[in-house]
């Protein structure tokens, strides 16, 4: 009499559990790292105030922009800085020694 057991053997069942664990753990781990990096990890951005103000000054003095446009550009930079998420740290370019992502790009 042959025995036809539908349940897998103990070793095969153990391999199935490990494979299932990897199929669940790896995507969850990758997703959690990506979410942490995007929303929670501190990121440094720089703003070159000196260059921005010098450029605006040149444009204004040459007559390429008027006073209203100058005011909009200055307000636009301020709004851009204030609209950054809380995990973005914004520093003046003169205080950063290495290259960092620029906010005005």
C-alpha atoms as a PDB file:
ATOM      1  CA  UNK A   1       0.000   0.000   0.000  1.00  0.00           C
ATOM      2  CA  UNK A   2       1.452   3.305  -1.108  1.00  0.00           C
ATOM      3  CA  UNK A   3       0.966   6.304   0.899  1.00  0.00           C
ATOM      4  CA  UNK A   4      -0.115   9.449  -0.976  1.00  0.00           C
ATOM      5  CA  UNK A   5       0.306  12.244   1.432  1.00  0.00           C
ATOM      6  CA  UNK A   6      -0.707  15.665   0.073  1.00  0.00           C
ATOM      7  CA  UNK A   7       1.202  17.531   2.751  1.00  0.00           C
ATOM      8  CA  UNK A   8       4.758  18.448   1.826  1.00  0.00           C
ATOM      9  CA  UNK A   9       7.655  16.923   3.683  1.00  0.00           C
ATOM     10  CA  UNK A  10       9.162  18.759   6.623  1.00  0.00           C
ATOM     11  CA  UNK A  11      12.256  19.917   4.722  1.00  0.00           C
ATOM     12  CA  UNK A  12      10.257  21.172   1.744  1.00  0.00           C
ATOM     13  CA  UNK A  13       7.870  23.001   4.074  1.00  0.00           C
ATOM     14  CA  UNK A  14      10.842  24.658   5.775  1.00  0.00           C
ATOM     15  CA  UNK A  15      12.195  25.870   2.413  1.00  0.00           C
ATOM     16  CA  UNK A  16       8.767  27.231   1.475  1.00  0.00           C
ATOM     17  CA  UNK A  17       8.633  29.238   4.697  1.00  0.00           C
ATOM     18  CA  UNK A  18      12.098  30.698   4.097  1.00  0.00           C
ATOM     19  CA  UNK A  19      11.248  31.578   0.488  1.00  0.00           C
ATOM     20  CA  UNK A  20       7.992  33.219   1.585  1.00  0.00           C
ATOM     21  CA  UNK A  21       9.828  35.139   4.308  1.00  0.00           C
ATOM     22  CA  UNK A  22      12.315  36.506   1.790  1.00  0.00           C
ATOM     23  CA  UNK A  23       9.517  37.422  -0.603  1.00  0.00           C
ATOM     24  CA  UNK A  24       7.903  39.494   2.148  1.00  0.00           C
ATOM     25  CA  UNK A  25      10.916  40.861   4.019  1.00  0.00           C
ATOM     26  CA  UNK A  26      12.972  42.157   1.084  1.00  0.00           C
ATOM     27  CA  UNK A  27      10.252  44.351  -0.527  1.00  0.00           C
ATOM     28  CA  UNK A  28       9.140  45.665   2.868  1.00  0.00           C
ATOM     29  CA  UNK A  29      12.733  46.515   3.816  1.00  0.00           C
ATOM     30  CA  UNK A  30      13.459  48.252   0.523  1.00  0.00           C
ATOM     31  CA  UNK A  31      10.202  50.198   0.719  1.00  0.00           C
ATOM     32  CA  UNK A  32      10.849  51.294   4.296  1.00  0.00           C
ATOM     33  CA  UNK A  33      14.375  52.490   3.402  1.00  0.00           C
ATOM     34  CA  UNK A  34      13.052  54.464   0.423  1.00  0.00           C
ATOM     35  CA  UNK A  35      10.293  56.061   2.490  1.00  0.00           C
ATOM     36  CA  UNK A  36      12.754  56.962   5.262  1.00  0.00           C
ATOM     37  CA  UNK A  37      15.191  58.486   2.779  1.00  0.00           C
ATOM     38  CA  UNK A  38      12.529  60.541   1.032  1.00  0.00           C
ATOM     39  CA  UNK A  39      10.497  61.787   4.003  1.00  0.00           C
ATOM     40  CA  UNK A  40      12.591  61.564   7.185  1.00  0.00           C
ATOM     41  CA  UNK A  41      16.351  61.520   6.504  1.00  0.00           C
ATOM     42  CA  UNK A  42      17.947  64.950   6.832  1.00  0.00           C
ATOM     43  CA  UNK A  43      19.105  66.356   3.498  1.00  0.00           C
ATOM     44  CA  UNK A  44      21.261  69.428   3.004  1.00  0.00           C
ATOM     45  CA  UNK A  45      20.583  71.991   0.292  1.00  0.00           C
ATOM     46  CA  UNK A  46      22.432  75.227  -0.306  1.00  0.00           C
ATOM     47  CA  UNK A  47      21.322  78.670  -1.393  1.00  0.00           C
ATOM     48  CA  UNK A  48      23.794  81.150  -2.820  1.00  0.00           C
ATOM     49  CA  UNK A  49      22.222  84.384  -1.568  1.00  0.00           C
ATOM     50  CA  UNK A  50      25.177  86.487  -2.646  1.00  0.00           C
ATOM     51  CA  UNK A  51      25.069  85.279  -6.268  1.00  0.00           C
ATOM     52  CA  UNK A  52      21.273  85.501  -6.425  1.00  0.00           C
ATOM     53  CA  UNK A  53      21.201  89.069  -5.107  1.00  0.00           C
ATOM     54  CA  UNK A  54      24.073  90.107  -7.388  1.00  0.00           C
ATOM     55  CA  UNK A  55      22.268  88.672 -10.419  1.00  0.00           C
ATOM     56  CA  UNK A  56      19.033  90.453  -9.472  1.00  0.00           C
ATOM     57  CA  UNK A  57      20.944  93.697  -8.926  1.00  0.00           C
ATOM     58  CA  UNK A  58      22.578  93.462 -12.375  1.00  0.00           C
ATOM     59  CA  UNK A  59      19.255  92.727 -14.052  1.00  0.00           C
ATOM     60  CA  UNK A  60      17.588  95.637 -12.256  1.00  0.00           C
ATOM     61  CA  UNK A  61      20.352  98.151 -12.969  1.00  0.00           C
ATOM     62  CA  UNK A  62      20.549  97.143 -16.639  1.00  0.00           C
ATOM     63  CA  UNK A  63      16.797  97.672 -16.989  1.00  0.00           C
ATOM     64  CA  UNK A  64      15.983  94.044 -17.844  1.00  0.00           C
ATOM     65  CA  UNK A  65      13.579  93.791 -14.895  1.00  0.00           C
ATOM     66  CA  UNK A  66      11.483  96.403 -13.158  1.00  0.00           C
ATOM     67  CA  UNK A  67      10.913  96.907  -9.449  1.00  0.00           C
ATOM     68  CA  UNK A  68       7.834  94.653  -9.361  1.00  0.00           C
ATOM     69  CA  UNK A  69       9.701  91.783 -11.033  1.00  0.00           C
ATOM     70  CA  UNK A  70      12.607  92.247  -8.630  1.00  0.00           C
ATOM     71  CA  UNK A  71      10.204  92.063  -5.696  1.00  0.00           C
ATOM     72  CA  UNK A  72       8.516  88.933  -7.164  1.00  0.00           C
ATOM     73  CA  UNK A  73      11.905  87.235  -7.632  1.00  0.00           C
ATOM     74  CA  UNK A  74      12.930  87.972  -4.038  1.00  0.00           C
ATOM     75  CA  UNK A  75       9.553  86.817  -2.731  1.00  0.00           C
ATOM     76  CA  UNK A  76       9.767  83.715  -4.953  1.00  0.00           C
ATOM     77  CA  UNK A  77      13.080  82.693  -3.388  1.00  0.00           C
ATOM     78  CA  UNK A  78      11.655  83.231   0.096  1.00  0.00           C
ATOM     79  CA  UNK A  79       8.571  81.131  -0.734  1.00  0.00           C
ATOM     80  CA  UNK A  80      10.742  78.404  -2.249  1.00  0.00           C
ATOM     81  CA  UNK A  81      12.835  78.240   0.922  1.00  0.00           C
ATOM     82  CA  UNK A  82       9.816  78.190   3.224  1.00  0.00           C
ATOM     83  CA  UNK A  83       8.006  75.540   1.176  1.00  0.00           C
ATOM     84  CA  UNK A  84      10.715  72.918   1.682  1.00  0.00           C
ATOM     85  CA  UNK A  85       9.831  69.893   3.849  1.00  0.00           C
ATOM     86  CA  UNK A  86      11.068  69.797   7.421  1.00  0.00           C
ATOM     87  CA  UNK A  87      13.753  67.207   6.668  1.00  0.00           C
ATOM     88  CA  UNK A  88      15.524  69.610   4.260  1.00  0.00           C
ATOM     89  CA  UNK A  89      18.252  71.671   5.922  1.00  0.00           C
ATOM     90  CA  UNK A  90      19.026  74.845   3.973  1.00  0.00           C
ATOM     91  CA  UNK A  91      22.427  76.463   4.430  1.00  0.00           C
ATOM     92  CA  UNK A  92      24.145  79.422   2.875  1.00  0.00           C
ATOM     93  CA  UNK A  93      26.564  78.286   0.154  1.00  0.00           C
ATOM     94  CA  UNK A  94      29.449  80.100   1.847  1.00  0.00           C
ATOM     95  CA  UNK A  95      29.152  77.857   4.909  1.00  0.00           C
ATOM     96  CA  UNK A  96      29.229  74.561   2.980  1.00  0.00           C
ATOM     97  CA  UNK A  97      32.669  73.187   2.177  1.00  0.00           C
ATOM     98  CA  UNK A  98      31.703  70.453  -0.286  1.00  0.00           C
ATOM     99  CA  UNK A  99      29.252  70.496  -3.137  1.00  0.00           C
ATOM    100  CA  UNK A 100      25.641  70.065  -2.165  1.00  0.00           C
ATOM    101  CA  UNK A 101      22.386  70.214  -4.078  1.00  0.00           C
ATOM    102  CA  UNK A 102      21.476  73.831  -4.761  1.00  0.00           C
ATOM    103  CA  UNK A 103      17.949  75.005  -4.054  1.00  0.00           C
ATOM    104  CA  UNK A 104      17.956  77.569  -6.858  1.00  0.00           C
ATOM    105  CA  UNK A 105      18.674  74.976  -9.581  1.00  0.00           C
END
